[in-house]
């Protein structure tokens, strides 16, 4: 198990398809969790979810740029409470752009506990300090008020509406890398 990042309450680690497929299936089978995601985000079975996890790991390995999608695990219970991602935003045709997004999906029982903000903060720090990204974006459907609030808590600035990514209209938020002072 590769631990990528850790907070006081959470471990952000690589997916382990054989072990995690069932918990991921439960999360992504919930219509309220996938309400703001594409219809394709709902897996047909635990096996199809396991295959998606394997494919996601392989895509990250091939990109070899430190980006991907990871499990958010609650330390106290070792339960997977969600997914955190940092990856290149796709254009309307699904092709990667030069812009990077942070995103999160949480199981319904984990909503309202601050996990998205906590995981998002460490993922932003990872993107800025380890990957040296100059700016990180978040894209949110306008009716997804909970995710809009997370972007605000993360200090991301609203940029307006965009049709540049995913082939749909989304609200765009951005956070610029902290200014580094020479010698620090």
Protein backbone atom coordinates (compact mmCIF):
# COMPACT_ATOMS: atom_id res chain seq x y z
CA UNK A 1 0.00 0.00 0.00
CA UNK A 2 1.54 3.29 -1.09
CA UNK A 3 0.59 6.13 1.22
CA UNK A 4 0.75 9.34 -0.72
CA UNK A 5 -0.33 11.87 1.89
CA UNK A 6 -1.60 11.95 5.42
CA UNK A 7 -3.61 14.36 7.56
CA UNK A 8 -4.68 14.19 11.15
CA UNK A 9 -7.80 12.18 10.23
CA UNK A 10 -7.11 10.83 6.74
CA UNK A 11 -4.74 8.71 4.69
CA UNK A 12 -4.64 9.36 0.96
CA UNK A 13 -3.29 6.27 -0.72
CA UNK A 14 -3.19 4.37 -3.97
CA UNK A 15 -6.22 2.29 -4.80
CA UNK A 16 -5.88 -1.45 -4.17
CA UNK A 17 -8.39 -2.85 -6.67
CA UNK A 18 -8.82 -6.31 -5.12
CA UNK A 19 -9.38 -4.86 -1.67
CA UNK A 20 -11.11 -1.57 -2.48
CA UNK A 21 -13.51 -2.48 -5.29
CA UNK A 22 -16.44 -3.26 -3.01
CA UNK A 23 -16.21 0.00 -1.03
CA UNK A 24 -15.73 2.01 -4.25
CA UNK A 25 -18.73 0.20 -5.78
CA UNK A 26 -20.92 1.13 -2.80
CA UNK A 27 -19.86 4.78 -3.12
CA UNK A 28 -20.26 5.07 -6.90
CA UNK A 29 -23.54 3.09 -6.94
CA UNK A 30 -25.22 5.75 -4.80
CA UNK A 31 -27.23 8.00 -7.17
CA UNK A 32 -26.78 10.95 -4.79
CA UNK A 33 -22.97 10.57 -4.94
CA UNK A 34 -22.96 10.37 -8.74
CA UNK A 35 -25.67 13.00 -9.25
CA UNK A 36 -23.15 15.61 -10.45
CA UNK A 37 -20.93 13.10 -12.29
CA UNK A 38 -21.48 11.59 -15.73
CA UNK A 39 -23.85 8.63 -16.03
CA UNK A 40 -20.81 6.51 -16.93
CA UNK A 41 -19.49 6.99 -13.39
CA UNK A 42 -21.96 4.41 -12.03
CA UNK A 43 -20.44 0.93 -12.13
CA UNK A 44 -22.55 -2.03 -13.21
CA UNK A 45 -20.95 -4.44 -10.72
CA UNK A 46 -18.18 -4.80 -8.16
CA UNK A 47 -16.13 -6.48 -10.91
CA UNK A 48 -16.59 -3.53 -13.29
CA UNK A 49 -15.59 -1.18 -10.45
CA UNK A 50 -12.48 -3.27 -9.81
CA UNK A 51 -11.63 -3.05 -13.52
CA UNK A 52 -12.08 0.75 -13.44
CA UNK A 53 -9.67 1.00 -10.51
CA UNK A 54 -7.11 -1.12 -12.41
CA UNK A 55 -7.53 1.05 -15.53
CA UNK A 56 -7.16 4.25 -13.51
CA UNK A 57 -3.94 3.01 -11.92
CA UNK A 58 -2.61 2.06 -15.36
CA UNK A 59 -3.50 5.49 -16.83
CA UNK A 60 -1.64 7.18 -13.97
CA UNK A 61 1.36 4.88 -14.49
CA UNK A 62 1.46 5.68 -18.21
CA UNK A 63 1.16 9.44 -17.62
CA UNK A 64 4.02 9.17 -15.13
CA UNK A 65 3.55 12.78 -14.03
CA UNK A 66 2.49 12.31 -10.41
CA UNK A 67 -1.21 12.84 -11.11
CA UNK A 68 -4.10 10.46 -10.64
CA UNK A 69 -6.93 9.43 -8.39
CA UNK A 70 -6.47 8.10 -4.86
CA UNK A 71 -8.54 6.60 -2.07
CA UNK A 72 -9.34 8.80 0.93
CA UNK A 73 -9.26 6.53 3.98
CA UNK A 74 -10.46 7.51 7.43
CA UNK A 75 -7.62 6.59 9.82
CA UNK A 76 -9.83 5.69 12.77
CA UNK A 77 -12.02 3.18 10.91
CA UNK A 78 -9.84 2.39 7.84
CA UNK A 79 -13.01 2.97 5.78
CA UNK A 80 -12.70 4.49 2.32
CA UNK A 81 -14.64 7.75 2.63
CA UNK A 82 -13.99 9.01 -0.87
CA UNK A 83 -11.78 9.73 -3.84
CA UNK A 84 -9.41 12.65 -4.32
CA UNK A 85 -7.91 13.45 -7.68
CA UNK A 86 -5.35 15.71 -9.22
CA UNK A 87 -5.19 15.36 -12.98
CA UNK A 88 -5.15 17.11 -16.31
CA UNK A 89 -8.53 18.53 -17.22
CA UNK A 90 -9.94 16.94 -20.39
CA UNK A 91 -11.16 19.08 -23.26
CA UNK A 92 -14.59 18.61 -24.87
CA UNK A 93 -13.26 15.54 -26.73
CA UNK A 94 -11.78 13.97 -23.58
CA UNK A 95 -8.20 14.80 -24.52
CA UNK A 96 -5.90 16.10 -21.76
CA UNK A 97 -5.25 19.84 -21.63
CA UNK A 98 -2.33 21.63 -19.97
CA UNK A 99 -4.63 22.60 -17.07
CA UNK A 100 -4.78 20.57 -13.85
CA UNK A 101 -7.79 20.05 -11.62
CA UNK A 102 -8.31 18.96 -8.05
CA UNK A 103 -11.53 17.08 -7.41
CA UNK A 104 -13.26 14.90 -4.85
CA UNK A 105 -16.09 12.38 -4.56
CA UNK A 106 -17.26 11.33 -1.10
CA UNK A 107 -19.57 8.57 0.02
CA UNK A 108 -22.80 10.02 1.35
CA UNK A 109 -22.15 8.96 4.98
CA UNK A 110 -18.99 11.09 4.86
CA UNK A 111 -20.63 14.31 3.68
CA UNK A 112 -20.42 17.35 5.95
CA UNK A 113 -17.39 16.17 7.94
CA UNK A 114 -14.78 18.36 6.24
CA UNK A 115 -13.07 15.43 4.51
CA UNK A 116 -13.21 16.99 1.02
CA UNK A 117 -11.60 20.19 2.29
CA UNK A 118 -8.98 18.30 4.30
CA UNK A 119 -8.04 16.00 1.41
CA UNK A 120 -8.27 18.87 -1.10
CA UNK A 121 -5.85 20.99 0.93
CA UNK A 122 -3.15 18.32 1.07
CA UNK A 123 -3.68 17.56 -2.64
CA UNK A 124 -3.23 21.26 -3.50
CA UNK A 125 -0.05 21.34 -1.40
CA UNK A 126 1.16 18.20 -3.21
CA UNK A 127 0.43 19.73 -6.62
CA UNK A 128 2.21 22.98 -5.80
CA UNK A 129 5.19 21.72 -3.81
CA UNK A 130 5.96 18.34 -5.41
CA UNK A 131 4.63 18.75 -8.95
CA UNK A 132 5.49 22.48 -9.15
CA UNK A 133 2.17 23.34 -10.79
CA UNK A 134 1.72 27.11 -11.23
CA UNK A 135 -2.09 26.95 -10.88
CA UNK A 136 -4.68 24.31 -10.00
CA UNK A 137 -8.32 24.49 -11.04
CA UNK A 138 -11.57 22.96 -9.86
CA UNK A 139 -14.62 22.58 -12.07
CA UNK A 140 -18.08 22.30 -10.52
CA UNK A 141 -21.61 22.10 -11.84
CA UNK A 142 -23.40 25.30 -10.82
CA UNK A 143 -26.03 23.44 -8.78
CA UNK A 144 -23.41 21.53 -6.74
CA UNK A 145 -23.42 23.92 -3.78
CA UNK A 146 -21.49 21.56 -1.47
CA UNK A 147 -18.49 21.41 -3.84
CA UNK A 148 -18.66 25.16 -4.43
CA UNK A 149 -18.34 25.61 -0.65
CA UNK A 150 -15.33 23.27 -0.61
CA UNK A 151 -13.59 25.39 -3.27
CA UNK A 152 -14.26 28.48 -1.11
CA UNK A 153 -12.83 26.79 2.00
CA UNK A 154 -9.76 25.84 -0.05
CA UNK A 155 -9.24 29.51 -0.94
CA UNK A 156 -9.92 28.96 -4.63
CA UNK A 157 -11.15 31.99 -6.57
CA UNK A 158 -14.19 31.83 -8.86
CA UNK A 159 -13.23 32.55 -12.47
CA UNK A 160 -16.70 32.25 -14.04
CA UNK A 161 -18.40 29.78 -16.34
CA UNK A 162 -16.50 27.71 -18.89
CA UNK A 163 -17.28 25.24 -21.66
CA UNK A 164 -13.60 24.40 -22.14
CA UNK A 165 -13.62 21.10 -20.19
CA UNK A 166 -15.64 17.88 -20.27
CA UNK A 167 -17.85 19.26 -23.08
CA UNK A 168 -20.31 20.89 -20.65
CA UNK A 169 -20.75 24.24 -18.93
CA UNK A 170 -19.07 24.32 -15.53
CA UNK A 171 -18.06 26.86 -12.93
CA UNK A 172 -14.29 27.31 -12.90
CA UNK A 173 -12.26 27.98 -9.76
CA UNK A 174 -8.53 28.50 -9.52
CA UNK A 175 -5.77 28.69 -6.97
CA UNK A 176 -2.33 30.01 -7.89
CA UNK A 177 0.79 28.49 -6.42
CA UNK A 178 2.07 30.31 -3.36
CA UNK A 179 4.86 32.75 -4.14
CA UNK A 180 8.20 31.27 -3.14
CA UNK A 181 10.81 33.60 -1.74
CA UNK A 182 14.37 32.96 -2.98
CA UNK A 183 16.33 30.95 -0.43
CA UNK A 184 13.34 29.31 1.26
